[in-house]
Amino acid sequence: MNWDGGDVEAINVLRRYLPDRAVFPDEVCRHIQKSLDAVRYAGEKGADEGVFGYEGLKFLAEQVAVWCRHHTELIHKNPETTWLDDDPFTAP
């Protein structure tokens, strides 16, 4: 319900940055990827089938908090770019 391109971009940003092997072991990184797949499926088709992805969303929210505690530095990006255009972790 209400799934659109912005949600797809959010999934893609999380897919790019969240499974960070400097933060998580391989098993958690795989679980992150599976949860992202499940949430995307729920958003695109699953809600019509009664699949809402709540467990995946909860797990992902917890991992985002862990990731943020690990990466305490403030990350700036150019306002005219998206998180998928430039890598904010490297100097321009």
PDB file of N, CA and C in Angstrom:
ATOM      1  N   MET A   1       0.838  -1.161   0.000  1.00  0.00           N
ATOM      2  CA  MET A   1       0.000   0.000   0.000  1.00  0.00           C
ATOM      3  C   MET A   1       0.890   1.234   0.000  1.00  0.00           C
ATOM      4  N   ASN A   2       0.624   2.160  -0.880  1.00  0.00           N
ATOM      5  CA  ASN A   2       1.389   3.407  -0.998  1.00  0.00           C
ATOM      6  C   ASN A   2       2.852   3.184  -1.363  1.00  0.00           C
ATOM      7  N   TRP A   3       3.185   2.077  -1.979  1.00  0.00           N
ATOM      8  CA  TRP A   3       4.559   1.783  -2.381  1.00  0.00           C
ATOM      9  C   TRP A   3       4.847   2.536  -3.666  1.00  0.00           C
ATOM     10  N   ASP A   4       6.002   3.234  -3.726  1.00  0.00           N
ATOM     11  CA  ASP A   4       6.336   3.952  -4.953  1.00  0.00           C
ATOM     12  C   ASP A   4       7.848   3.974  -5.149  1.00  0.00           C
ATOM     13  N   GLY A   5       8.288   4.776  -6.102  1.00  0.00           N
ATOM     14  CA  GLY A   5       9.709   4.847  -6.445  1.00  0.00           C
ATOM     15  C   GLY A   5      10.590   5.273  -5.287  1.00  0.00           C
ATOM     16  N   GLY A   6      10.089   6.121  -4.405  1.00  0.00           N
ATOM     17  CA  GLY A   6      10.878   6.538  -3.243  1.00  0.00           C
ATOM     18  C   GLY A   6      11.180   5.374  -2.315  1.00  0.00           C
ATOM     19  N   ASP A   7      10.244   4.446  -2.206  1.00  0.00           N
ATOM     20  CA  ASP A   7      10.463   3.262  -1.380  1.00  0.00           C
ATOM     21  C   ASP A   7      11.504   2.340  -2.014  1.00  0.00           C
ATOM     22  N   VAL A   8      11.452   2.230  -3.326  1.00  0.00           N
ATOM     23  CA  VAL A   8      12.452   1.424  -4.039  1.00  0.00           C
ATOM     24  C   VAL A   8      13.837   2.038  -3.834  1.00  0.00           C
ATOM     25  N   GLU A   9      13.935   3.369  -3.930  1.00  0.00           N
ATOM     26  CA  GLU A   9      15.224   4.027  -3.709  1.00  0.00           C
ATOM     27  C   GLU A   9      15.716   3.793  -2.282  1.00  0.00           C
ATOM     28  N   ALA A  10      14.816   3.849  -1.302  1.00  0.00           N
ATOM     29  CA  ALA A  10      15.210   3.608   0.088  1.00  0.00           C
ATOM     30  C   ALA A  10      15.768   2.192   0.256  1.00  0.00           C
ATOM     31  N   ILE A  11      15.112   1.214  -0.364  1.00  0.00           N
ATOM     32  CA  ILE A  11      15.610  -0.165  -0.309  1.00  0.00           C
ATOM     33  C   ILE A  11      16.993  -0.241  -0.953  1.00  0.00           C
ATOM     34  N   ASN A  12      17.175   0.422  -2.093  1.00  0.00           N
ATOM     35  CA  ASN A  12      18.461   0.389  -2.788  1.00  0.00           C
ATOM     36  C   ASN A  12      19.563   1.051  -1.966  1.00  0.00           C
ATOM     37  N   VAL A  13      19.243   2.141  -1.277  1.00  0.00           N
ATOM     38  CA  VAL A  13      20.236   2.796  -0.418  1.00  0.00           C
ATOM     39  C   VAL A  13      20.615   1.861   0.729  1.00  0.00           C
ATOM     40  N   LEU A  14      19.623   1.268   1.365  1.00  0.00           N
ATOM     41  CA  LEU A  14      19.921   0.323   2.450  1.00  0.00           C
ATOM     42  C   LEU A  14      20.726  -0.861   1.931  1.00  0.00           C
ATOM     43  N   ARG A  15      20.379  -1.346   0.746  1.00  0.00           N
ATOM     44  CA  ARG A  15      21.116  -2.484   0.170  1.00  0.00           C
ATOM     45  C   ARG A  15      22.585  -2.113  -0.081  1.00  0.00           C
ATOM     46  N   ARG A  16      22.823  -0.848  -0.419  1.00  0.00           N
ATOM     47  CA  ARG A  16      24.186  -0.399  -0.716  1.00  0.00           C
ATOM     48  C   ARG A  16      25.025  -0.233   0.550  1.00  0.00           C
ATOM     49  N   TYR A  17      24.435   0.300   1.622  1.00  0.00           N
ATOM     50  CA  TYR A  17      25.226   0.675   2.792  1.00  0.00           C
ATOM     51  C   TYR A  17      25.059  -0.214   4.017  1.00  0.00           C
ATOM     52  N   LEU A  18      23.890  -0.762   4.241  1.00  0.00           N
ATOM     53  CA  LEU A  18      23.640  -1.450   5.501  1.00  0.00           C
ATOM     54  C   LEU A  18      24.405  -2.755   5.678  1.00  0.00           C
ATOM     55  N   PRO A  19      24.520  -3.625   4.667  1.00  0.00           N
ATOM     56  CA  PRO A  19      25.256  -4.874   4.891  1.00  0.00           C
ATOM     57  C   PRO A  19      26.773  -4.631   4.905  1.00  0.00           C
ATOM     58  N   ASP A  20      27.200  -3.913   5.905  1.00  0.00           N
ATOM     59  CA  ASP A  20      28.577  -3.431   6.052  1.00  0.00           C
ATOM     60  C   ASP A  20      29.378  -4.450   6.860  1.00  0.00           C
ATOM     61  N   ARG A  21      30.318  -5.097   6.213  1.00  0.00           N
ATOM     62  CA  ARG A  21      31.088  -6.150   6.881  1.00  0.00           C
ATOM     63  C   ARG A  21      32.046  -5.597   7.948  1.00  0.00           C
ATOM     64  N   ALA A  22      32.223  -4.289   7.977  1.00  0.00           N
ATOM     65  CA  ALA A  22      32.982  -3.682   9.071  1.00  0.00           C
ATOM     66  C   ALA A  22      32.125  -3.597  10.335  1.00  0.00           C
ATOM     67  N   VAL A  23      30.820  -3.741  10.172  1.00  0.00           N
ATOM     68  CA  VAL A  23      29.884  -3.641  11.295  1.00  0.00           C
ATOM     69  C   VAL A  23      29.291  -5.009  11.643  1.00  0.00           C
ATOM     70  N   PHE A  24      28.913  -5.787  10.627  1.00  0.00           N
ATOM     71  CA  PHE A  24      28.164  -7.027  10.831  1.00  0.00           C
ATOM     72  C   PHE A  24      28.919  -8.236  10.304  1.00  0.00           C
ATOM     73  N   PRO A  25      28.737  -9.391  10.948  1.00  0.00           N
ATOM     74  CA  PRO A  25      29.288 -10.634  10.384  1.00  0.00           C
ATOM     75  C   PRO A  25      28.508 -11.029   9.118  1.00  0.00           C
ATOM     76  N   ASP A  26      29.097 -11.933   8.343  1.00  0.00           N
ATOM     77  CA  ASP A  26      28.492 -12.365   7.078  1.00  0.00           C
ATOM     78  C   ASP A  26      27.050 -12.839   7.239  1.00  0.00           C
ATOM     79  N   GLU A  27      26.765 -13.577   8.288  1.00  0.00           N
ATOM     80  CA  GLU A  27      25.420 -14.107   8.489  1.00  0.00           C
ATOM     81  C   GLU A  27      24.396 -12.982   8.638  1.00  0.00           C
ATOM     82  N   VAL A  28      24.749 -11.938   9.369  1.00  0.00           N
ATOM     83  CA  VAL A  28      23.841 -10.803   9.540  1.00  0.00           C
ATOM     84  C   VAL A  28      23.686 -10.062   8.215  1.00  0.00           C
ATOM     85  N   CYS A  29      24.774  -9.924   7.463  1.00  0.00           N
ATOM     86  CA  CYS A  29      24.687  -9.267   6.150  1.00  0.00           C
ATOM     87  C   CYS A  29      23.739 -10.019   5.229  1.00  0.00           C
ATOM     88  N   ARG A  30      23.793 -11.340   5.255  1.00  0.00           N
ATOM     89  CA  ARG A  30      22.869 -12.143   4.435  1.00  0.00           C
ATOM     90  C   ARG A  30      21.425 -11.952   4.906  1.00  0.00           C
ATOM     91  N   HIS A  31      21.230 -11.898   6.223  1.00  0.00           N
ATOM     92  CA  HIS A  31      19.886 -11.691   6.771  1.00  0.00           C
ATOM     93  C   HIS A  31      19.363 -10.308   6.378  1.00  0.00           C
ATOM     94  N   ILE A  32      20.237  -9.317   6.360  1.00  0.00           N
ATOM     95  CA  ILE A  32      19.853  -7.975   5.915  1.00  0.00           C
ATOM     96  C   ILE A  32      19.360  -8.030   4.469  1.00  0.00           C
ATOM     97  N   GLN A  33      20.121  -8.686   3.598  1.00  0.00           N
ATOM     98  CA  GLN A  33      19.730  -8.783   2.185  1.00  0.00           C
ATOM     99  C   GLN A  33      18.385  -9.495   2.030  1.00  0.00           C
ATOM    100  N   LYS A  34      18.189 -10.594   2.762  1.00  0.00           N
ATOM    101  CA  LYS A  34      16.920 -11.329   2.682  1.00  0.00           C
ATOM    102  C   LYS A  34      15.770 -10.470   3.198  1.00  0.00           C
ATOM    103  N   SER A  35      16.011  -9.721   4.259  1.00  0.00           N
ATOM    104  CA  SER A  35      14.966  -8.855   4.808  1.00  0.00           C
ATOM    105  C   SER A  35      14.617  -7.740   3.832  1.00  0.00           C
ATOM    106  N   LEU A  36      15.624  -7.182   3.170  1.00  0.00           N
ATOM    107  CA  LEU A  36      15.360  -6.157   2.156  1.00  0.00           C
ATOM    108  C   LEU A  36      14.532  -6.727   1.017  1.00  0.00           C
ATOM    109  N   ASP A  37      14.857  -7.945   0.596  1.00  0.00           N
ATOM    110  CA  ASP A  37      14.070  -8.607  -0.453  1.00  0.00           C
ATOM    111  C   ASP A  37      12.624  -8.809   0.002  1.00  0.00           C
ATOM    112  N   ALA A  38      12.442  -9.248   1.249  1.00  0.00           N
ATOM    113  CA  ALA A  38      11.104  -9.509   1.775  1.00  0.00           C
ATOM    114  C   ALA A  38      10.288  -8.223   1.875  1.00  0.00           C
ATOM    115  N   VAL A  39      10.911  -7.150   2.325  1.00  0.00           N
ATOM    116  CA  VAL A  39      10.195  -5.876   2.451  1.00  0.00           C
ATOM    117  C   VAL A  39       9.818  -5.352   1.065  1.00  0.00           C
ATOM    118  N   ARG A  40      10.735  -5.460   0.125  1.00  0.00           N
ATOM    119  CA  ARG A  40      10.409  -4.999  -1.225  1.00  0.00           C
ATOM    120  C   ARG A  40       9.266  -5.817  -1.819  1.00  0.00           C
ATOM    121  N   TYR A  41       9.323  -7.127  -1.640  1.00  0.00           N
ATOM    122  CA  TYR A  41       8.239  -7.972  -2.139  1.00  0.00           C
ATOM    123  C   TYR A  41       6.913  -7.578  -1.488  1.00  0.00           C
ATOM    124  N   ALA A  42       6.929  -7.384  -0.181  1.00  0.00           N
ATOM    125  CA  ALA A  42       5.707  -6.996   0.526  1.00  0.00           C
ATOM    126  C   ALA A  42       5.169  -5.679  -0.021  1.00  0.00           C
ATOM    127  N   GLY A  43       6.060  -4.732  -0.288  1.00  0.00           N
ATOM    128  CA  GLY A  43       5.628  -3.440  -0.793  1.00  0.00           C
ATOM    129  C   GLY A  43       5.103  -3.489  -2.209  1.00  0.00           C
ATOM    130  N   GLU A  44       5.716  -4.310  -3.040  1.00  0.00           N
ATOM    131  CA  GLU A  44       5.326  -4.351  -4.448  1.00  0.00           C
ATOM    132  C   GLU A  44       4.143  -5.277  -4.727  1.00  0.00           C
ATOM    133  N   LYS A  45       4.079  -6.419  -4.044  1.00  0.00           N
ATOM    134  CA  LYS A  45       3.050  -7.408  -4.353  1.00  0.00           C
ATOM    135  C   LYS A  45       2.448  -8.068  -3.123  1.00  0.00           C
ATOM    136  N   GLY A  46       3.244  -8.221  -2.112  1.00  0.00           N
ATOM    137  CA  GLY A  46       2.860  -9.053  -0.976  1.00  0.00           C
ATOM    138  C   GLY A  46       1.656  -8.580  -0.204  1.00  0.00           C
ATOM    139  N   ALA A  47       1.465  -7.270  -0.091  1.00  0.00           N
ATOM    140  CA  ALA A  47       0.327  -6.765   0.684  1.00  0.00           C
ATOM    141  C   ALA A  47      -0.991  -7.282   0.112  1.00  0.00           C
ATOM    142  N   ASP A  48      -1.058  -7.449  -1.190  1.00  0.00           N
ATOM    143  CA  ASP A  48      -2.262  -7.994  -1.821  1.00  0.00           C
ATOM    144  C   ASP A  48      -2.496  -9.446  -1.415  1.00  0.00           C
ATOM    145  N   GLU A  49      -1.422 -10.109  -0.972  1.00  0.00           N
ATOM    146  CA  GLU A  49      -1.502 -11.518  -0.560  1.00  0.00           C
ATOM    147  C   GLU A  49      -1.516 -11.659   0.962  1.00  0.00           C
ATOM    148  N   GLY A  50      -1.533 -10.532   1.672  1.00  0.00           N
ATOM    149  CA  GLY A  50      -1.493 -10.576   3.134  1.00  0.00           C
ATOM    150  C   GLY A  50      -0.091 -10.686   3.703  1.00  0.00           C
ATOM    151  N   VAL A  51       0.928 -10.412   2.866  1.00  0.00           N
ATOM    152  CA  VAL A  51       2.324 -10.442   3.300  1.00  0.00           C
ATOM    153  C   VAL A  51       2.768  -8.996   3.477  1.00  0.00           C
ATOM    154  N   PHE A  52       3.096  -8.614   4.703  1.00  0.00           N
ATOM    155  CA  PHE A  52       3.383  -7.212   4.979  1.00  0.00           C
ATOM    156  C   PHE A  52       4.837  -6.924   5.333  1.00  0.00           C
ATOM    157  N   GLY A  53       5.647  -7.912   5.617  1.00  0.00           N
ATOM    158  CA  GLY A  53       7.072  -7.707   5.859  1.00  0.00           C
ATOM    159  C   GLY A  53       7.412  -7.067   7.189  1.00  0.00           C
ATOM    160  N   TYR A  54       6.507  -7.149   8.176  1.00  0.00           N
ATOM    161  CA  TYR A  54       6.757  -6.487   9.456  1.00  0.00           C
ATOM    162  C   TYR A  54       7.999  -7.014  10.173  1.00  0.00           C
ATOM    163  N   GLU A  55       8.227  -8.321  10.128  1.00  0.00           N
ATOM    164  CA  GLU A  55       9.414  -8.884  10.792  1.00  0.00           C
ATOM    165  C   GLU A  55      10.686  -8.352  10.149  1.00  0.00           C
ATOM    166  N   GLY A  56      10.698  -8.283   8.824  1.00  0.00           N
ATOM    167  CA  GLY A  56      11.859  -7.741   8.124  1.00  0.00           C
ATOM    168  C   GLY A  56      12.079  -6.279   8.444  1.00  0.00           C
ATOM    169  N   LEU A  57      11.008  -5.506   8.506  1.00  0.00           N
ATOM    170  CA  LEU A  57      11.130  -4.082   8.849  1.00  0.00           C
ATOM    171  C   LEU A  57      11.698  -3.899  10.250  1.00  0.00           C
ATOM    172  N   LYS A  58      11.219  -4.695  11.195  1.00  0.00           N
ATOM    173  CA  LYS A  58      11.724  -4.594  12.571  1.00  0.00           C
ATOM    174  C   LYS A  58      13.207  -4.945  12.614  1.00  0.00           C
ATOM    175  N   PHE A  59      13.587  -6.040  11.971  1.00  0.00           N
ATOM    176  CA  PHE A  59      14.995  -6.446  11.949  1.00  0.00           C
ATOM    177  C   PHE A  59      15.852  -5.358  11.306  1.00  0.00           C
ATOM    178  N   LEU A  60      15.408  -4.808  10.180  1.00  0.00           N
ATOM    179  CA  LEU A  60      16.178  -3.775   9.487  1.00  0.00           C
ATOM    180  C   LEU A  60      16.321  -2.523  10.347  1.00  0.00           C
ATOM    181  N   ALA A  61      15.252  -2.117  11.029  1.00  0.00           N
ATOM    182  CA  ALA A  61      15.329  -0.942  11.900  1.00  0.00           C
ATOM    183  C   ALA A  61      16.364  -1.153  12.997  1.00  0.00           C
ATOM    184  N   GLU A  62      16.405  -2.349  13.556  1.00  0.00           N
ATOM    185  CA  GLU A  62      17.399  -2.655  14.594  1.00  0.00           C
ATOM    186  C   GLU A  62      18.817  -2.590  14.029  1.00  0.00           C
ATOM    187  N   GLN A  63      19.002  -3.092  12.817  1.00  0.00           N
ATOM    188  CA  GLN A  63      20.340  -3.094  12.216  1.00  0.00           C
ATOM    189  C   GLN A  63      20.771  -1.676  11.825  1.00  0.00           C
ATOM    190  N   VAL A  64      19.822  -0.847  11.402  1.00  0.00           N
ATOM    191  CA  VAL A  64      20.140   0.555  11.107  1.00  0.00           C
ATOM    192  C   VAL A  64      20.659   1.229  12.374  1.00  0.00           C
ATOM    193  N   ALA A  65      20.027   0.953  13.518  1.00  0.00           N
ATOM    194  CA  ALA A  65      20.482   1.541  14.782  1.00  0.00           C
ATOM    195  C   ALA A  65      21.900   1.075  15.113  1.00  0.00           C
ATOM    196  N   VAL A  66      22.188  -0.199  14.915  1.00  0.00           N
ATOM    197  CA  VAL A  66      23.540  -0.724  15.165  1.00  0.00           C
ATOM    198  C   VAL A  66      24.531  -0.042  14.227  1.00  0.00           C
ATOM    199  N   TRP A  67      24.164   0.063  12.954  1.00  0.00           N
ATOM    200  CA  TRP A  67      25.035   0.689  11.960  1.00  0.00           C
ATOM    201  C   TRP A  67      25.339   2.133  12.352  1.00  0.00           C
ATOM    202  N   CYS A  68      24.312   2.868  12.788  1.00  0.00           N
ATOM    203  CA  CYS A  68      24.493   4.277  13.167  1.00  0.00           C
ATOM    204  C   CYS A  68      25.368   4.418  14.406  1.00  0.00           C
ATOM    205  N   ARG A  69      25.240   3.493  15.343  1.00  0.00           N
ATOM    206  CA  ARG A  69      26.115   3.544  16.527  1.00  0.00           C
ATOM    207  C   ARG A  69      27.566   3.289  16.138  1.00  0.00           C
ATOM    208  N   HIS A  70      27.781   2.479  15.115  1.00  0.00           N
ATOM    209  CA  HIS A  70      29.143   2.203  14.646  1.00  0.00           C
ATOM    210  C   HIS A  70      29.707   3.387  13.864  1.00  0.00           C
ATOM    211  N   HIS A  71      28.901   3.986  13.017  1.00  0.00           N
ATOM    212  CA  HIS A  71      29.309   5.122  12.182  1.00  0.00           C
ATOM    213  C   HIS A  71      28.829   6.414  12.846  1.00  0.00           C
ATOM    214  N   THR A  72      29.594   6.898  13.797  1.00  0.00           N
ATOM    215  CA  THR A  72      29.164   8.056  14.582  1.00  0.00           C
ATOM    216  C   THR A  72      29.438   9.391  13.896  1.00  0.00           C
ATOM    217  N   GLU A  73      30.290   9.397  12.868  1.00  0.00           N
ATOM    218  CA  GLU A  73      30.593  10.647  12.179  1.00  0.00           C
ATOM    219  C   GLU A  73      29.397  11.091  11.338  1.00  0.00           C
ATOM    220  N   LEU A  74      29.206  12.384  11.251  1.00  0.00           N
ATOM    221  CA  LEU A  74      28.123  12.944  10.453  1.00  0.00           C
ATOM    222  C   LEU A  74      28.478  12.810   8.971  1.00  0.00           C
ATOM    223  N   ILE A  75      27.545  12.367   8.168  1.00  0.00           N
ATOM    224  CA  ILE A  75      27.786  12.174   6.741  1.00  0.00           C
ATOM    225  C   ILE A  75      27.041  13.251   5.978  1.00  0.00           C
ATOM    226  N   HIS A  76      27.760  13.999   5.155  1.00  0.00           N
ATOM    227  CA  HIS A  76      27.156  15.047   4.342  1.00  0.00           C
ATOM    228  C   HIS A  76      27.166  14.610   2.878  1.00  0.00           C
ATOM    229  N   LYS A  77      26.137  14.990   2.168  1.00  0.00           N
ATOM    230  CA  LYS A  77      26.104  14.747   0.736  1.00  0.00           C
ATOM    231  C   LYS A  77      25.647  16.021   0.044  1.00  0.00           C
ATOM    232  N   ASN A  78      25.963  16.138  -1.215  1.00  0.00           N
ATOM    233  CA  ASN A  78      25.501  17.285  -1.978  1.00  0.00           C
ATOM    234  C   ASN A  78      23.982  17.247  -2.055  1.00  0.00           C
ATOM    235  N   PRO A  79      23.306  18.356  -1.773  1.00  0.00           N
ATOM    236  CA  PRO A  79      21.835  18.329  -1.763  1.00  0.00           C
ATOM    237  C   PRO A  79      21.217  18.014  -3.116  1.00  0.00           C
ATOM    238  N   GLU A  80      21.941  18.238  -4.189  1.00  0.00           N
ATOM    239  CA  GLU A  80      21.362  17.977  -5.513  1.00  0.00           C
ATOM    240  C   GLU A  80      21.582  16.537  -5.973  1.00  0.00           C
ATOM    241  N   THR A  81      22.215  15.718  -5.162  1.00  0.00           N
ATOM    242  CA  THR A  81      22.428  14.318  -5.525  1.00  0.00           C
ATOM    243  C   THR A  81      21.552  13.423  -4.668  1.00  0.00           C
ATOM    244  N   THR A  82      21.444  12.172  -5.087  1.00  0.00           N
ATOM    245  CA  THR A  82      20.763  11.184  -4.252  1.00  0.00           C
ATOM    246  C   THR A  82      21.844  10.341  -3.589  1.00  0.00           C
ATOM    247  N   TRP A  83      21.433   9.519  -2.671  1.00  0.00           N
ATOM    248  CA  TRP A  83      22.381   8.640  -1.982  1.00  0.00           C
ATOM    249  C   TRP A  83      22.946   7.582  -2.922  1.00  0.00           C
ATOM    250  N   LEU A  84      22.365   7.447  -4.096  1.00  0.00           N
ATOM    251  CA  LEU A  84      22.871   6.461  -5.027  1.00  0.00           C
ATOM    252  C   LEU A  84      23.813   7.072  -6.062  1.00  0.00           C
ATOM    253  N   ASP A  85      23.860   8.410  -6.152  1.00  0.00           N
ATOM    254  CA  ASP A  85      24.736   9.080  -7.122  1.00  0.00           C
ATOM    255  C   ASP A  85      26.188   9.056  -6.679  1.00  0.00           C
ATOM    256  N   ASP A  86      26.440   9.533  -5.476  1.00  0.00           N
ATOM    257  CA  ASP A  86      27.806   9.655  -4.957  1.00  0.00           C
ATOM    258  C   ASP A  86      27.954   8.804  -3.715  1.00  0.00           C
ATOM    259  N   ASP A  87      29.165   8.384  -3.459  1.00  0.00           N
ATOM    260  CA  ASP A  87      29.453   7.662  -2.233  1.00  0.00           C
ATOM    261  C   ASP A  87      29.836   8.669  -1.166  1.00  0.00           C
ATOM    262  N   PRO A  88      28.987   8.898  -0.167  1.00  0.00           N
ATOM    263  CA  PRO A  88      29.273   9.925   0.834  1.00  0.00           C
ATOM    264  C   PRO A  88      30.406   9.549   1.774  1.00  0.00           C
ATOM    265  N   PHE A  89      30.926   8.333   1.665  1.00  0.00           N
ATOM    266  CA  PHE A  89      31.995   7.899   2.551  1.00  0.00           C
ATOM    267  C   PHE A  89      33.377   8.161   1.989  1.00  0.00           C
ATOM    268  N   THR A  90      33.451   8.655   0.769  1.00  0.00           N
ATOM    269  CA  THR A  90      34.744   8.986   0.181  1.00  0.00           C
ATOM    270  C   THR A  90      34.810  10.483  -0.061  1.00  0.00           C
ATOM    271  N   ALA A  91      35.983  11.032   0.063  1.00  0.00           N
ATOM    272  CA  ALA A  91      36.157  12.464  -0.164  1.00  0.00           C
ATOM    273  C   ALA A  91      35.967  12.782  -1.642  1.00  0.00           C
ATOM    274  N   PRO A  92      35.371  13.939  -1.960  1.00  0.00           N
ATOM    275  CA  PRO A  92      35.166  14.302  -3.375  1.00  0.00           C
ATOM    276  C   PRO A  92      36.470  14.547  -4.098  1.00  0.00           C
TER     277      PRO A  92
END
